[in-house]
Amino acid sequence: MPGASSLFEIHADIDARVGSIREHRPDWPCAKGCDTCCRKLADVPRLTRTEWDLLREGLAALPASQFDEIARKIRALAEGAARPVVCPMLDAASGACPVYAHRPVACRTYGFFVDRDLGLYCRDIEALVAGGRLEDVVWGNHEAIERRLQAFEPVRALTDWFLAWQPDPDLQGAPSCPTIDAAG
């Protein structure tokens, strides 16, 4: 199974595509404070083991009060996610992600990569495309990123990873990053 360095190579490729789009489009709608996609997830995010390990580091570094709020939201999702799903890491007041540097690949690619014939999913970007304003954009190939991620098994829901990491809801604050049995 590939490790963090392989995941960071994927991140670098994504960052290069995002950087290229932003360089030619400084008014790109995906920017700090735009949290539309974070508020309208189709389902609980699924992460590879390596993505979870990185996200877990970001969660463990948060102040206890912020971690406790995120933990509460994740547990609520585990009990039954309402639709649309709101990302439990989203800071609703600022519209920012407190674990931004540790975010999963799906978050990194959203708004900059497309699946062939499946659309862009962001209504703001789709409106720009429909209006002919993004004809020169060279989109990232989401299918290629997904193929690369397939080597990072297992894939589990965020809620499953989290509950395996911190099963005791009375535990306050982020625990250290223990190793999780891949089968567990």
N, C-alpha and C. Protein backbone atom coordinates (compact mmCIF):
# COMPACT_ATOMS: atom_id res chain seq x y z
N MET A 1 0.85 -1.19 0.00
CA MET A 1 0.00 0.00 0.00
C MET A 1 0.89 1.24 0.00
N PRO A 2 0.60 2.19 -0.88
CA PRO A 2 1.39 3.41 -0.91
C PRO A 2 1.22 4.21 0.38
N GLY A 3 2.19 5.02 0.68
CA GLY A 3 2.16 5.80 1.90
C GLY A 3 1.89 7.26 1.66
N ALA A 4 2.20 8.05 2.69
CA ALA A 4 1.92 9.49 2.65
C ALA A 4 2.67 10.18 1.51
N SER A 5 3.89 9.74 1.21
CA SER A 5 4.63 10.42 0.14
C SER A 5 3.90 10.28 -1.20
N SER A 6 3.28 9.13 -1.45
CA SER A 6 2.50 8.96 -2.68
C SER A 6 1.27 9.86 -2.68
N LEU A 7 0.64 10.00 -1.51
CA LEU A 7 -0.52 10.89 -1.41
C LEU A 7 -0.08 12.33 -1.65
N PHE A 8 1.07 12.71 -1.11
CA PHE A 8 1.56 14.07 -1.30
C PHE A 8 1.90 14.34 -2.77
N GLU A 9 2.30 13.30 -3.52
CA GLU A 9 2.52 13.46 -4.96
C GLU A 9 1.19 13.78 -5.66
N ILE A 10 0.13 13.11 -5.26
CA ILE A 10 -1.19 13.41 -5.80
C ILE A 10 -1.59 14.83 -5.45
N HIS A 11 -1.35 15.22 -4.19
CA HIS A 11 -1.66 16.60 -3.77
C HIS A 11 -0.89 17.60 -4.62
N ALA A 12 0.38 17.33 -4.89
CA ALA A 12 1.19 18.26 -5.69
C ALA A 12 0.63 18.39 -7.11
N ASP A 13 0.19 17.27 -7.69
CA ASP A 13 -0.40 17.32 -9.03
C ASP A 13 -1.71 18.12 -9.02
N ILE A 14 -2.51 17.91 -7.99
CA ILE A 14 -3.76 18.67 -7.86
C ILE A 14 -3.45 20.14 -7.69
N ASP A 15 -2.51 20.46 -6.80
CA ASP A 15 -2.14 21.86 -6.56
C ASP A 15 -1.64 22.54 -7.83
N ALA A 16 -0.91 21.80 -8.67
CA ALA A 16 -0.41 22.37 -9.92
C ALA A 16 -1.58 22.75 -10.83
N ARG A 17 -2.57 21.87 -10.94
CA ARG A 17 -3.74 22.16 -11.79
C ARG A 17 -4.52 23.34 -11.22
N VAL A 18 -4.76 23.31 -9.91
CA VAL A 18 -5.49 24.40 -9.26
C VAL A 18 -4.74 25.72 -9.44
N GLY A 19 -3.42 25.68 -9.25
CA GLY A 19 -2.61 26.88 -9.42
C GLY A 19 -2.69 27.44 -10.83
N SER A 20 -2.68 26.56 -11.81
CA SER A 20 -2.77 26.99 -13.20
C SER A 20 -4.11 27.66 -13.48
N ILE A 21 -5.18 27.08 -12.98
CA ILE A 21 -6.50 27.67 -13.18
C ILE A 21 -6.58 29.03 -12.48
N ARG A 22 -6.12 29.07 -11.25
CA ARG A 22 -6.18 30.34 -10.49
C ARG A 22 -5.30 31.42 -11.13
N GLU A 23 -4.18 31.02 -11.69
CA GLU A 23 -3.27 31.99 -12.32
C GLU A 23 -3.96 32.70 -13.48
N HIS A 24 -4.75 31.96 -14.23
CA HIS A 24 -5.44 32.54 -15.39
C HIS A 24 -6.82 33.08 -15.04
N ARG A 25 -7.29 32.75 -13.85
CA ARG A 25 -8.62 33.17 -13.42
C ARG A 25 -8.57 33.64 -11.96
N PRO A 26 -8.05 34.83 -11.70
CA PRO A 26 -7.96 35.28 -10.30
C PRO A 26 -9.32 35.49 -9.64
N ASP A 27 -10.39 35.53 -10.45
CA ASP A 27 -11.74 35.70 -9.91
C ASP A 27 -12.46 34.36 -9.73
N TRP A 28 -11.71 33.26 -9.73
CA TRP A 28 -12.31 31.94 -9.62
C TRP A 28 -13.19 31.86 -8.38
N PRO A 29 -14.40 31.30 -8.50
CA PRO A 29 -15.33 31.31 -7.36
C PRO A 29 -14.89 30.47 -6.15
N CYS A 30 -14.07 29.44 -6.36
CA CYS A 30 -13.62 28.60 -5.23
C CYS A 30 -12.47 29.32 -4.52
N ALA A 31 -12.77 29.87 -3.37
CA ALA A 31 -11.77 30.59 -2.59
C ALA A 31 -12.21 30.59 -1.13
N LYS A 32 -11.32 31.02 -0.26
CA LYS A 32 -11.64 31.06 1.16
C LYS A 32 -12.92 31.87 1.37
N GLY A 33 -13.82 31.29 2.13
CA GLY A 33 -15.10 31.94 2.39
C GLY A 33 -16.23 31.38 1.55
N CYS A 34 -15.90 30.75 0.42
CA CYS A 34 -16.93 30.07 -0.37
C CYS A 34 -17.03 28.66 0.20
N ASP A 35 -18.14 28.37 0.84
CA ASP A 35 -18.30 27.07 1.48
C ASP A 35 -19.54 26.33 0.97
N THR A 36 -20.00 26.71 -0.21
CA THR A 36 -21.20 26.10 -0.77
C THR A 36 -21.05 24.59 -0.87
N CYS A 37 -19.93 24.12 -1.40
CA CYS A 37 -19.76 22.68 -1.56
C CYS A 37 -19.68 21.98 -0.21
N CYS A 38 -19.13 22.64 0.80
CA CYS A 38 -19.02 22.05 2.14
C CYS A 38 -20.38 21.92 2.82
N ARG A 39 -21.32 22.74 2.39
CA ARG A 39 -22.66 22.73 2.98
C ARG A 39 -23.64 21.81 2.24
N LYS A 40 -23.19 21.26 1.12
CA LYS A 40 -24.11 20.46 0.30
C LYS A 40 -23.45 19.18 -0.20
N LEU A 41 -22.89 18.41 0.70
CA LEU A 41 -22.29 17.13 0.31
C LEU A 41 -23.40 16.13 0.01
N ALA A 42 -23.19 15.30 -0.98
CA ALA A 42 -24.18 14.29 -1.33
C ALA A 42 -24.27 13.21 -0.26
N ASP A 43 -23.15 12.93 0.40
CA ASP A 43 -23.12 11.87 1.40
C ASP A 43 -21.94 12.12 2.34
N VAL A 44 -21.84 11.30 3.35
CA VAL A 44 -20.69 11.37 4.26
C VAL A 44 -19.44 11.07 3.44
N PRO A 45 -18.42 11.91 3.55
CA PRO A 45 -17.20 11.69 2.75
C PRO A 45 -16.57 10.33 3.03
N ARG A 46 -16.01 9.75 1.96
CA ARG A 46 -15.27 8.49 2.06
C ARG A 46 -13.80 8.81 1.85
N LEU A 47 -12.96 8.25 2.69
CA LEU A 47 -11.53 8.52 2.63
C LEU A 47 -10.74 7.23 2.59
N THR A 48 -9.60 7.30 1.94
CA THR A 48 -8.68 6.18 2.00
C THR A 48 -7.98 6.20 3.36
N ARG A 49 -7.34 5.12 3.67
CA ARG A 49 -6.62 5.03 4.95
C ARG A 49 -5.57 6.14 5.05
N THR A 50 -4.84 6.37 3.98
CA THR A 50 -3.77 7.38 4.00
C THR A 50 -4.36 8.78 4.13
N GLU A 51 -5.49 9.05 3.48
CA GLU A 51 -6.14 10.35 3.65
C GLU A 51 -6.60 10.52 5.09
N TRP A 52 -7.17 9.46 5.67
CA TRP A 52 -7.62 9.53 7.05
C TRP A 52 -6.45 9.80 7.98
N ASP A 53 -5.31 9.14 7.77
CA ASP A 53 -4.15 9.36 8.63
C ASP A 53 -3.74 10.84 8.62
N LEU A 54 -3.77 11.46 7.45
CA LEU A 54 -3.43 12.87 7.35
C LEU A 54 -4.49 13.74 8.03
N LEU A 55 -5.75 13.46 7.77
CA LEU A 55 -6.83 14.24 8.38
C LEU A 55 -6.80 14.10 9.90
N ARG A 56 -6.53 12.90 10.36
CA ARG A 56 -6.46 12.64 11.80
C ARG A 56 -5.38 13.51 12.46
N GLU A 57 -4.26 13.70 11.79
CA GLU A 57 -3.20 14.57 12.31
C GLU A 57 -3.73 16.00 12.47
N GLY A 58 -4.47 16.47 11.47
CA GLY A 58 -5.04 17.81 11.54
C GLY A 58 -6.06 17.94 12.66
N LEU A 59 -6.89 16.93 12.82
CA LEU A 59 -7.87 16.96 13.91
C LEU A 59 -7.19 16.94 15.27
N ALA A 60 -6.16 16.12 15.43
CA ALA A 60 -5.47 16.00 16.72
C ALA A 60 -4.76 17.29 17.11
N ALA A 61 -4.45 18.13 16.12
CA ALA A 61 -3.74 19.39 16.41
C ALA A 61 -4.68 20.54 16.77
N LEU A 62 -5.99 20.33 16.65
CA LEU A 62 -6.95 21.40 16.94
C LEU A 62 -7.05 21.66 18.44
N PRO A 63 -7.42 22.87 18.80
CA PRO A 63 -7.74 23.14 20.21
C PRO A 63 -8.89 22.23 20.65
N ALA A 64 -8.90 21.84 21.91
CA ALA A 64 -9.89 20.88 22.43
C ALA A 64 -11.33 21.31 22.14
N SER A 65 -11.64 22.57 22.33
CA SER A 65 -13.03 23.00 22.12
C SER A 65 -13.46 22.86 20.66
N GLN A 66 -12.56 23.18 19.75
CA GLN A 66 -12.86 23.05 18.33
C GLN A 66 -12.97 21.56 17.94
N PHE A 67 -12.06 20.76 18.46
CA PHE A 67 -12.12 19.33 18.20
C PHE A 67 -13.42 18.73 18.73
N ASP A 68 -13.81 19.12 19.94
CA ASP A 68 -15.04 18.58 20.54
C ASP A 68 -16.27 18.90 19.70
N GLU A 69 -16.32 20.10 19.13
CA GLU A 69 -17.45 20.48 18.28
C GLU A 69 -17.48 19.63 17.01
N ILE A 70 -16.32 19.43 16.39
CA ILE A 70 -16.24 18.59 15.19
C ILE A 70 -16.61 17.15 15.54
N ALA A 71 -16.13 16.65 16.67
CA ALA A 71 -16.44 15.28 17.10
C ALA A 71 -17.95 15.11 17.28
N ARG A 72 -18.59 16.12 17.85
CA ARG A 72 -20.04 16.07 18.05
C ARG A 72 -20.75 15.97 16.70
N LYS A 73 -20.30 16.75 15.73
CA LYS A 73 -20.92 16.74 14.40
C LYS A 73 -20.69 15.40 13.68
N ILE A 74 -19.51 14.84 13.83
CA ILE A 74 -19.23 13.56 13.18
C ILE A 74 -20.08 12.46 13.80
N ARG A 75 -20.22 12.48 15.11
CA ARG A 75 -21.06 11.47 15.77
C ARG A 75 -22.53 11.61 15.32
N ALA A 76 -22.97 12.84 15.15
CA ALA A 76 -24.34 13.05 14.68
C ALA A 76 -24.51 12.49 13.26
N LEU A 77 -23.50 12.67 12.42
CA LEU A 77 -23.55 12.10 11.08
C LEU A 77 -23.61 10.57 11.14
N ALA A 78 -22.86 9.99 12.06
CA ALA A 78 -22.83 8.53 12.19
C ALA A 78 -24.20 7.98 12.59
N GLU A 79 -24.95 8.79 13.30
CA GLU A 79 -26.28 8.35 13.76
C GLU A 79 -27.33 8.48 12.67
N GLY A 80 -27.02 9.18 11.63
CA GLY A 80 -27.98 9.34 10.53
C GLY A 80 -27.83 10.69 9.88
N ALA A 81 -27.23 10.71 8.72
CA ALA A 81 -26.95 11.97 8.04
C ALA A 81 -28.20 12.52 7.36
N ALA A 82 -28.52 13.76 7.68
CA ALA A 82 -29.59 14.47 6.98
C ALA A 82 -29.04 14.90 5.62
N ARG A 83 -29.92 15.14 4.70
CA ARG A 83 -29.50 15.57 3.37
C ARG A 83 -29.86 17.03 3.18
N PRO A 84 -29.04 17.86 2.60
CA PRO A 84 -27.67 17.53 2.25
C PRO A 84 -26.79 17.45 3.49
N VAL A 85 -25.70 16.73 3.36
CA VAL A 85 -24.74 16.58 4.45
C VAL A 85 -23.88 17.84 4.50
N VAL A 86 -23.69 18.38 5.69
CA VAL A 86 -22.78 19.51 5.88
C VAL A 86 -21.48 18.93 6.43
N CYS A 87 -20.37 19.32 5.85
CA CYS A 87 -19.08 18.82 6.31
C CYS A 87 -18.90 19.13 7.79
N PRO A 88 -18.61 18.14 8.61
CA PRO A 88 -18.48 18.37 10.04
C PRO A 88 -17.27 19.21 10.41
N MET A 89 -16.32 19.36 9.50
CA MET A 89 -15.15 20.19 9.78
C MET A 89 -15.40 21.67 9.48
N LEU A 90 -16.45 21.98 8.77
CA LEU A 90 -16.71 23.36 8.38
C LEU A 90 -16.96 24.24 9.59
N ASP A 91 -16.24 25.34 9.68
CA ASP A 91 -16.51 26.37 10.68
C ASP A 91 -17.59 27.26 10.06
N ALA A 92 -18.82 27.08 10.50
CA ALA A 92 -19.95 27.77 9.89
C ALA A 92 -19.83 29.29 9.98
N ALA A 93 -19.23 29.80 11.03
CA ALA A 93 -19.13 31.25 11.22
C ALA A 93 -18.20 31.88 10.19
N SER A 94 -17.06 31.24 9.92
CA SER A 94 -16.08 31.83 9.01
C SER A 94 -16.15 31.26 7.60
N GLY A 95 -16.82 30.12 7.44
CA GLY A 95 -16.86 29.48 6.14
C GLY A 95 -15.54 28.82 5.77
N ALA A 96 -14.68 28.63 6.77
CA ALA A 96 -13.34 28.09 6.55
C ALA A 96 -13.22 26.67 7.10
N CYS A 97 -12.18 25.99 6.67
CA CYS A 97 -11.90 24.64 7.12
C CYS A 97 -10.71 24.68 8.07
N PRO A 98 -10.89 24.28 9.32
CA PRO A 98 -9.79 24.34 10.28
C PRO A 98 -8.72 23.27 10.04
N VAL A 99 -9.00 22.31 9.17
CA VAL A 99 -8.01 21.27 8.84
C VAL A 99 -7.68 21.34 7.34
N TYR A 100 -7.71 22.53 6.79
CA TYR A 100 -7.55 22.74 5.35
C TYR A 100 -6.30 22.05 4.79
N ALA A 101 -5.18 22.18 5.45
CA ALA A 101 -3.93 21.57 4.96
C ALA A 101 -3.99 20.05 4.99
N HIS A 102 -4.92 19.51 5.75
CA HIS A 102 -5.04 18.06 5.93
C HIS A 102 -6.26 17.48 5.22
N ARG A 103 -6.94 18.28 4.41
CA ARG A 103 -8.21 17.88 3.80
C ARG A 103 -8.02 16.75 2.79
N PRO A 104 -9.07 15.95 2.57
CA PRO A 104 -9.00 14.84 1.62
C PRO A 104 -8.92 15.31 0.17
N VAL A 105 -8.58 14.38 -0.70
CA VAL A 105 -8.44 14.66 -2.13
C VAL A 105 -9.74 15.20 -2.72
N ALA A 106 -10.87 14.66 -2.33
CA ALA A 106 -12.15 15.14 -2.88
C ALA A 106 -12.33 16.63 -2.64
N CYS A 107 -11.91 17.10 -1.49
CA CYS A 107 -12.01 18.53 -1.18
C CYS A 107 -11.02 19.34 -2.02
N ARG A 108 -9.87 18.79 -2.26
CA ARG A 108 -8.83 19.49 -3.02
C ARG A 108 -9.20 19.64 -4.50
N THR A 109 -9.93 18.66 -5.03
CA THR A 109 -10.24 18.67 -6.46
C THR A 109 -11.56 19.36 -6.79
N TYR A 110 -12.43 19.48 -5.83
CA TYR A 110 -13.77 20.02 -6.10
C TYR A 110 -13.68 21.42 -6.71
N GLY A 111 -14.37 21.60 -7.81
CA GLY A 111 -14.39 22.91 -8.48
C GLY A 111 -13.30 23.09 -9.50
N PHE A 112 -12.32 22.18 -9.54
CA PHE A 112 -11.19 22.31 -10.47
C PHE A 112 -11.01 21.07 -11.35
N PHE A 113 -11.62 19.97 -10.97
CA PHE A 113 -11.51 18.71 -11.70
C PHE A 113 -12.90 18.25 -12.07
N VAL A 114 -13.03 17.55 -13.19
CA VAL A 114 -14.34 17.08 -13.63
C VAL A 114 -14.28 15.59 -13.96
N ASP A 115 -15.42 14.94 -13.80
CA ASP A 115 -15.64 13.58 -14.29
C ASP A 115 -16.30 13.71 -15.64
N ARG A 116 -15.76 13.04 -16.63
CA ARG A 116 -16.30 13.10 -17.98
C ARG A 116 -17.80 12.80 -17.99
N ASP A 117 -18.56 13.66 -18.60
CA ASP A 117 -20.01 13.49 -18.78
C ASP A 117 -20.81 13.48 -17.48
N LEU A 118 -20.23 13.84 -16.35
CA LEU A 118 -20.98 13.84 -15.10
C LEU A 118 -21.20 15.23 -14.53
N GLY A 119 -20.68 16.25 -15.16
CA GLY A 119 -20.92 17.60 -14.69
C GLY A 119 -19.88 18.10 -13.70
N LEU A 120 -20.07 19.32 -13.29
CA LEU A 120 -19.13 19.99 -12.39
C LEU A 120 -19.63 20.04 -10.95
N TYR A 121 -20.91 19.89 -10.75
CA TYR A 121 -21.55 19.84 -9.44
C TYR A 121 -21.72 21.19 -8.75
N CYS A 122 -20.84 22.12 -8.97
CA CYS A 122 -20.96 23.44 -8.36
C CYS A 122 -21.84 24.31 -9.26
N ARG A 123 -22.95 24.76 -8.73
CA ARG A 123 -23.88 25.56 -9.55
C ARG A 123 -23.25 26.87 -10.01
N ASP A 124 -22.41 27.47 -9.16
CA ASP A 124 -21.76 28.73 -9.55
C ASP A 124 -20.85 28.52 -10.75
N ILE A 125 -20.06 27.46 -10.71
CA ILE A 125 -19.15 27.18 -11.83
C ILE A 125 -19.94 26.73 -13.04
N GLU A 126 -20.94 25.90 -12.84
CA GLU A 126 -21.77 25.46 -13.97
C GLU A 126 -22.42 26.66 -14.67
N ALA A 127 -22.84 27.66 -13.91
CA ALA A 127 -23.45 28.85 -14.51
C ALA A 127 -22.42 29.61 -15.35
N LEU A 128 -21.18 29.68 -14.87
CA LEU A 128 -20.12 30.34 -15.64
C LEU A 128 -19.84 29.58 -16.94
N VAL A 129 -19.82 28.25 -16.86
CA VAL A 129 -19.59 27.42 -18.04
C VAL A 129 -20.74 27.62 -19.03
N ALA A 130 -21.97 27.57 -18.54
CA ALA A 130 -23.14 27.74 -19.42
C ALA A 130 -23.13 29.10 -20.09
N GLY A 131 -22.59 30.11 -19.40
CA GLY A 131 -22.51 31.44 -19.98
C GLY A 131 -21.31 31.64 -20.89
N GLY A 132 -20.53 30.57 -21.10
CA GLY A 132 -19.38 30.66 -22.00
C GLY A 132 -18.18 31.36 -21.42
N ARG A 133 -18.17 31.58 -20.11
CA ARG A 133 -17.10 32.37 -19.50
C ARG A 133 -15.88 31.54 -19.09
N LEU A 134 -15.94 30.20 -19.21
CA LEU A 134 -14.81 29.37 -18.80
C LEU A 134 -14.35 28.44 -19.92
N GLU A 135 -14.54 28.87 -21.15
CA GLU A 135 -14.19 28.02 -22.29
C GLU A 135 -12.71 27.71 -22.37
N ASP A 136 -11.86 28.57 -21.84
CA ASP A 136 -10.43 28.36 -21.94
C ASP A 136 -9.83 27.56 -20.76
N VAL A 137 -10.66 27.14 -19.82
CA VAL A 137 -10.16 26.43 -18.65
C VAL A 137 -9.78 25.00 -19.03
N VAL A 138 -8.60 24.59 -18.60
CA VAL A 138 -8.16 23.21 -18.78
C VAL A 138 -8.42 22.52 -17.45
N TRP A 139 -9.51 21.77 -17.40
CA TRP A 139 -9.93 21.11 -16.17
C TRP A 139 -9.03 19.93 -15.84
N GLY A 140 -8.93 19.64 -14.57
CA GLY A 140 -8.23 18.44 -14.15
C GLY A 140 -9.12 17.23 -14.41
N ASN A 141 -8.48 16.08 -14.62
CA ASN A 141 -9.20 14.84 -14.91
C ASN A 141 -9.44 14.09 -13.60
N HIS A 142 -10.65 14.18 -13.09
CA HIS A 142 -10.96 13.54 -11.81
C HIS A 142 -10.84 12.03 -11.88
N GLU A 143 -11.15 11.44 -13.02
CA GLU A 143 -11.06 9.98 -13.18
C GLU A 143 -9.61 9.51 -12.98
N ALA A 144 -8.65 10.29 -13.47
CA ALA A 144 -7.24 9.92 -13.30
C ALA A 144 -6.84 9.97 -11.83
N ILE A 145 -7.32 10.96 -11.12
CA ILE A 145 -7.03 11.06 -9.67
C ILE A 145 -7.66 9.88 -8.94
N GLU A 146 -8.90 9.54 -9.28
CA GLU A 146 -9.57 8.40 -8.64
C GLU A 146 -8.81 7.10 -8.88
N ARG A 147 -8.30 6.92 -10.10
CA ARG A 147 -7.53 5.70 -10.39
C ARG A 147 -6.28 5.63 -9.50
N ARG A 148 -5.62 6.76 -9.31
CA ARG A 148 -4.42 6.78 -8.46
C ARG A 148 -4.78 6.50 -7.01
N LEU A 149 -5.93 6.96 -6.56
CA LEU A 149 -6.34 6.74 -5.17
C LEU A 149 -6.74 5.28 -4.89
N GLN A 150 -7.07 4.53 -5.92
CA GLN A 150 -7.49 3.15 -5.72
C GLN A 150 -6.41 2.31 -5.04
N ALA A 151 -5.16 2.70 -5.15
CA ALA A 151 -4.06 1.96 -4.51
C ALA A 151 -4.03 2.17 -3.00
N PHE A 152 -4.78 3.15 -2.51
CA PHE A 152 -4.76 3.51 -1.09
C PHE A 152 -5.91 2.87 -0.32
N GLU A 153 -6.02 1.59 -0.37
CA GLU A 153 -7.11 0.92 0.36
C GLU A 153 -6.74 0.80 1.82
N PRO A 154 -7.67 0.62 2.70
CA PRO A 154 -9.10 0.55 2.47
C PRO A 154 -9.73 1.95 2.41
N VAL A 155 -10.94 1.99 1.90
CA VAL A 155 -11.74 3.21 1.85
C VAL A 155 -12.91 3.01 2.81
N ARG A 156 -13.12 4.01 3.67
CA ARG A 156 -14.22 3.95 4.63
C ARG A 156 -14.83 5.33 4.78
N ALA A 157 -16.02 5.37 5.31
CA ALA A 157 -16.68 6.65 5.58
C ALA A 157 -15.92 7.39 6.69
N LEU A 158 -15.89 8.70 6.60
CA LEU A 158 -15.27 9.52 7.63
C LEU A 158 -15.77 9.13 9.02
N THR A 159 -17.05 8.91 9.13
CA THR A 159 -17.63 8.56 10.43
C THR A 159 -17.05 7.26 10.96
N ASP A 160 -16.85 6.28 10.10
CA ASP A 160 -16.29 5.00 10.52
C ASP A 160 -14.85 5.15 10.99
N TRP A 161 -14.05 5.89 10.23
CA TRP A 161 -12.66 6.13 10.64
C TRP A 161 -12.64 6.82 12.01
N PHE A 162 -13.46 7.85 12.14
CA PHE A 162 -13.45 8.63 13.37
C PHE A 162 -13.87 7.81 14.58
N LEU A 163 -14.95 7.06 14.45
CA LEU A 163 -15.44 6.28 15.58
C LEU A 163 -14.47 5.16 15.97
N ALA A 164 -13.73 4.63 15.01
CA ALA A 164 -12.71 3.63 15.33
C ALA A 164 -11.54 4.27 16.07
N TRP A 165 -11.29 5.54 15.78
CA TRP A 165 -10.19 6.27 16.41
C TRP A 165 -10.58 6.72 17.81
N GLN A 166 -11.79 7.19 17.96
CA GLN A 166 -12.23 7.75 19.23
C GLN A 166 -13.62 7.21 19.56
N PRO A 167 -13.68 5.97 20.03
CA PRO A 167 -15.00 5.37 20.25
C PRO A 167 -15.74 5.91 21.48
N ASP A 168 -15.05 6.53 22.40
CA ASP A 168 -15.68 6.99 23.65
C ASP A 168 -16.17 8.43 23.50
N PRO A 169 -17.48 8.66 23.38
CA PRO A 169 -17.99 10.02 23.20
C PRO A 169 -17.74 10.92 24.40
N ASP A 170 -17.42 10.34 25.55
CA ASP A 170 -17.14 11.16 26.73
C ASP A 170 -15.70 11.63 26.79
N LEU A 171 -14.85 11.13 25.89
CA LEU A 171 -13.46 11.54 25.86
C LEU A 171 -13.40 12.98 25.37
N GLN A 172 -12.85 13.86 26.13
CA GLN A 172 -12.79 15.27 25.76
C GLN A 172 -11.47 15.58 25.08
N GLY A 173 -11.52 16.34 24.01
CA GLY A 173 -10.32 16.76 23.29
C GLY A 173 -9.81 15.66 22.39
N ALA A 174 -8.92 16.05 21.49
CA ALA A 174 -8.37 15.12 20.51
C ALA A 174 -7.34 14.23 21.17
N PRO A 175 -7.47 12.91 21.00
CA PRO A 175 -6.46 12.01 21.51
C PRO A 175 -5.23 12.04 20.62
N SER A 176 -4.16 11.42 21.09
CA SER A 176 -3.00 11.28 20.22
C SER A 176 -3.42 10.40 19.04
N CYS A 177 -2.59 10.29 18.06
CA CYS A 177 -2.94 9.57 16.84
C CYS A 177 -2.57 8.10 16.96
N PRO A 178 -3.44 7.26 17.53
CA PRO A 178 -3.11 5.84 17.62
C PRO A 178 -3.23 5.17 16.26
N THR A 179 -2.61 4.04 16.13
CA THR A 179 -2.71 3.26 14.91
C THR A 179 -4.03 2.51 14.92
N ILE A 180 -4.73 2.55 13.80
CA ILE A 180 -6.00 1.84 13.67
C ILE A 180 -5.75 0.60 12.86
N ASP A 181 -6.25 -0.52 13.33
CA ASP A 181 -6.18 -1.76 12.57
C ASP A 181 -6.94 -1.56 11.28
N ALA A 182 -6.27 -1.79 10.15
CA ALA A 182 -6.89 -1.56 8.83
C ALA A 182 -8.17 -2.36 8.65
N ALA A 183 -8.28 -3.49 9.30
CA ALA A 183 -9.48 -4.29 9.17
C ALA A 183 -10.57 -3.81 10.10
N GLY A 184 -10.19 -3.03 11.13
CA GLY A 184 -11.12 -2.63 12.19
C GLY A 184 -11.99 -1.55 11.90
